[in-house]
């Protein structure tokens, strides 16, 4: 169970409050609930990468590949870059 503690702190002249070294350089979500403020640690995913976390199949493939790479298991034959280039040359730009 998470430890709960209560501290009394004062804001400075600009309305800021320090949380201490354990929160240094962390991203926080700030929720205002009436006269209460709730801070939660957060991680932010760039919008251009959010699709991966919305696609279970793609995310599973990436995680599986990372696990295989960590274990040193790599494909014996690399990709056919010449074929990929030929296909890319055939595709039209949007």
C-alpha atoms as a PDB file:
ATOM      1  CA  UNK A   1       0.000   0.000   0.000  1.00  0.00           C
ATOM      2  CA  UNK A   2       1.251   3.498  -0.828  1.00  0.00           C
ATOM      3  CA  UNK A   3       2.567   5.591   2.024  1.00  0.00           C
ATOM      4  CA  UNK A   4       0.605   8.766   2.769  1.00  0.00           C
ATOM      5  CA  UNK A   5       2.200  11.817   4.304  1.00  0.00           C
ATOM      6  CA  UNK A   6       1.078  15.376   4.827  1.00  0.00           C
ATOM      7  CA  UNK A   7       3.331  18.429   4.690  1.00  0.00           C
ATOM      8  CA  UNK A   8       2.561  22.092   5.063  1.00  0.00           C
ATOM      9  CA  UNK A   9       4.196  24.267   2.425  1.00  0.00           C
ATOM     10  CA  UNK A  10       3.738  27.876   1.369  1.00  0.00           C
ATOM     11  CA  UNK A  11       3.577  29.166  -2.164  1.00  0.00           C
ATOM     12  CA  UNK A  12       5.996  31.871  -3.266  1.00  0.00           C
ATOM     13  CA  UNK A  13       5.008  35.267  -4.666  1.00  0.00           C
ATOM     14  CA  UNK A  14       4.270  33.675  -8.076  1.00  0.00           C
ATOM     15  CA  UNK A  15       2.068  30.879  -6.695  1.00  0.00           C
ATOM     16  CA  UNK A  16       4.742  28.175  -6.962  1.00  0.00           C
ATOM     17  CA  UNK A  17       5.454  25.407  -4.496  1.00  0.00           C
ATOM     18  CA  UNK A  18       8.463  23.095  -4.409  1.00  0.00           C
ATOM     19  CA  UNK A  19       7.951  19.365  -4.017  1.00  0.00           C
ATOM     20  CA  UNK A  20      11.504  18.324  -3.200  1.00  0.00           C
ATOM     21  CA  UNK A  21      14.327  16.476  -4.918  1.00  0.00           C
ATOM     22  CA  UNK A  22      12.391  13.233  -5.435  1.00  0.00           C
ATOM     23  CA  UNK A  23      10.122  15.059  -7.912  1.00  0.00           C
ATOM     24  CA  UNK A  24      12.922  16.878  -9.743  1.00  0.00           C
ATOM     25  CA  UNK A  25      12.533  16.888 -13.564  1.00  0.00           C
ATOM     26  CA  UNK A  26       9.364  14.766 -13.450  1.00  0.00           C
ATOM     27  CA  UNK A  27       6.224  15.287 -15.530  1.00  0.00           C
ATOM     28  CA  UNK A  28       3.160  15.819 -13.397  1.00  0.00           C
ATOM     29  CA  UNK A  29      -0.564  15.902 -14.084  1.00  0.00           C
ATOM     30  CA  UNK A  30      -2.238  18.670 -12.096  1.00  0.00           C
ATOM     31  CA  UNK A  31      -5.916  18.136 -11.307  1.00  0.00           C
ATOM     32  CA  UNK A  32      -7.962  20.788  -9.560  1.00  0.00           C
ATOM     33  CA  UNK A  33     -10.918  19.336  -7.653  1.00  0.00           C
ATOM     34  CA  UNK A  34     -12.735  22.218  -6.021  1.00  0.00           C
ATOM     35  CA  UNK A  35     -10.325  23.568  -3.407  1.00  0.00           C
ATOM     36  CA  UNK A  36      -8.016  20.538  -3.706  1.00  0.00           C
ATOM     37  CA  UNK A  37      -5.114  20.032  -6.095  1.00  0.00           C
ATOM     38  CA  UNK A  38      -4.073  16.484  -6.916  1.00  0.00           C
ATOM     39  CA  UNK A  39      -0.659  15.858  -8.466  1.00  0.00           C
ATOM     40  CA  UNK A  40       0.059  12.603 -10.267  1.00  0.00           C
ATOM     41  CA  UNK A  41       3.298  11.454 -11.892  1.00  0.00           C
ATOM     42  CA  UNK A  42       2.881  11.004 -15.640  1.00  0.00           C
ATOM     43  CA  UNK A  43       4.652   9.915 -18.787  1.00  0.00           C
ATOM     44  CA  UNK A  44       3.832  11.699 -22.009  1.00  0.00           C
ATOM     45  CA  UNK A  45       3.734   9.904 -25.347  1.00  0.00           C
ATOM     46  CA  UNK A  46       4.267  12.074 -28.425  1.00  0.00           C
ATOM     47  CA  UNK A  47       1.077  12.192 -30.515  1.00  0.00           C
ATOM     48  CA  UNK A  48       2.876  10.787 -33.545  1.00  0.00           C
ATOM     49  CA  UNK A  49       3.778   7.660 -31.526  1.00  0.00           C
ATOM     50  CA  UNK A  50       0.449   7.163 -29.719  1.00  0.00           C
ATOM     51  CA  UNK A  51      -0.849   4.933 -32.547  1.00  0.00           C
ATOM     52  CA  UNK A  52       1.503   2.177 -31.409  1.00  0.00           C
ATOM     53  CA  UNK A  53      -0.115   1.997 -27.972  1.00  0.00           C
ATOM     54  CA  UNK A  54      -3.564   1.967 -29.595  1.00  0.00           C
ATOM     55  CA  UNK A  55      -2.660  -1.005 -31.836  1.00  0.00           C
ATOM     56  CA  UNK A  56      -2.244  -4.147 -29.715  1.00  0.00           C
ATOM     57  CA  UNK A  57      -0.895  -6.239 -32.586  1.00  0.00           C
ATOM     58  CA  UNK A  58       1.795  -3.691 -33.513  1.00  0.00           C
ATOM     59  CA  UNK A  59       2.759  -3.114 -29.872  1.00  0.00           C
ATOM     60  CA  UNK A  60       3.025  -6.869 -29.310  1.00  0.00           C
ATOM     61  CA  UNK A  61       5.294  -7.191 -32.356  1.00  0.00           C
ATOM     62  CA  UNK A  62       7.564  -4.389 -31.137  1.00  0.00           C
ATOM     63  CA  UNK A  63       7.781  -5.847 -27.639  1.00  0.00           C
ATOM     64  CA  UNK A  64       8.472  -9.317 -29.026  1.00  0.00           C
ATOM     65  CA  UNK A  65      11.213  -7.937 -31.278  1.00  0.00           C
ATOM     66  CA  UNK A  66      12.819  -6.040 -28.409  1.00  0.00           C
ATOM     67  CA  UNK A  67      12.758  -9.170 -26.257  1.00  0.00           C
ATOM     68  CA  UNK A  68      14.353 -11.195 -29.073  1.00  0.00           C
ATOM     69  CA  UNK A  69      17.025  -8.535 -29.648  1.00  0.00           C
ATOM     70  CA  UNK A  70      17.815  -8.431 -25.928  1.00  0.00           C
ATOM     71  CA  UNK A  71      18.276 -12.198 -26.011  1.00  0.00           C
ATOM     72  CA  UNK A  72      20.590 -11.836 -29.034  1.00  0.00           C
ATOM     73  CA  UNK A  73      18.197 -13.607 -31.397  1.00  0.00           C
ATOM     74  CA  UNK A  74      18.397 -11.883 -34.774  1.00  0.00           C
ATOM     75  CA  UNK A  75      17.147 -12.827 -38.249  1.00  0.00           C
ATOM     76  CA  UNK A  76      19.651 -14.883 -40.223  1.00  0.00           C
ATOM     77  CA  UNK A  77      18.870 -13.035 -43.433  1.00  0.00           C
ATOM     78  CA  UNK A  78      18.405  -9.282 -43.284  1.00  0.00           C
ATOM     79  CA  UNK A  79      15.807  -7.398 -45.300  1.00  0.00           C
ATOM     80  CA  UNK A  80      16.106  -7.206 -49.086  1.00  0.00           C
ATOM     81  CA  UNK A  81      16.863  -3.497 -49.366  1.00  0.00           C
ATOM     82  CA  UNK A  82      17.067  -3.563 -53.160  1.00  0.00           C
ATOM     83  CA  UNK A  83      13.515  -4.932 -53.428  1.00  0.00           C
ATOM     84  CA  UNK A  84      12.283  -2.447 -50.853  1.00  0.00           C
ATOM     85  CA  UNK A  85      13.863   0.418 -52.806  1.00  0.00           C
ATOM     86  CA  UNK A  86      12.294  -0.810 -56.060  1.00  0.00           C
ATOM     87  CA  UNK A  87       8.871  -0.887 -54.386  1.00  0.00           C
ATOM     88  CA  UNK A  88       9.370   2.547 -52.848  1.00  0.00           C
ATOM     89  CA  UNK A  89      10.341   3.950 -56.260  1.00  0.00           C
ATOM     90  CA  UNK A  90       7.037   2.629 -57.683  1.00  0.00           C
ATOM     91  CA  UNK A  91       4.890   4.257 -54.995  1.00  0.00           C
ATOM     92  CA  UNK A  92       3.573   7.732 -55.572  1.00  0.00           C
ATOM     93  CA  UNK A  93       4.059  10.466 -52.999  1.00  0.00           C
ATOM     94  CA  UNK A  94       0.922  11.837 -51.355  1.00  0.00           C
END
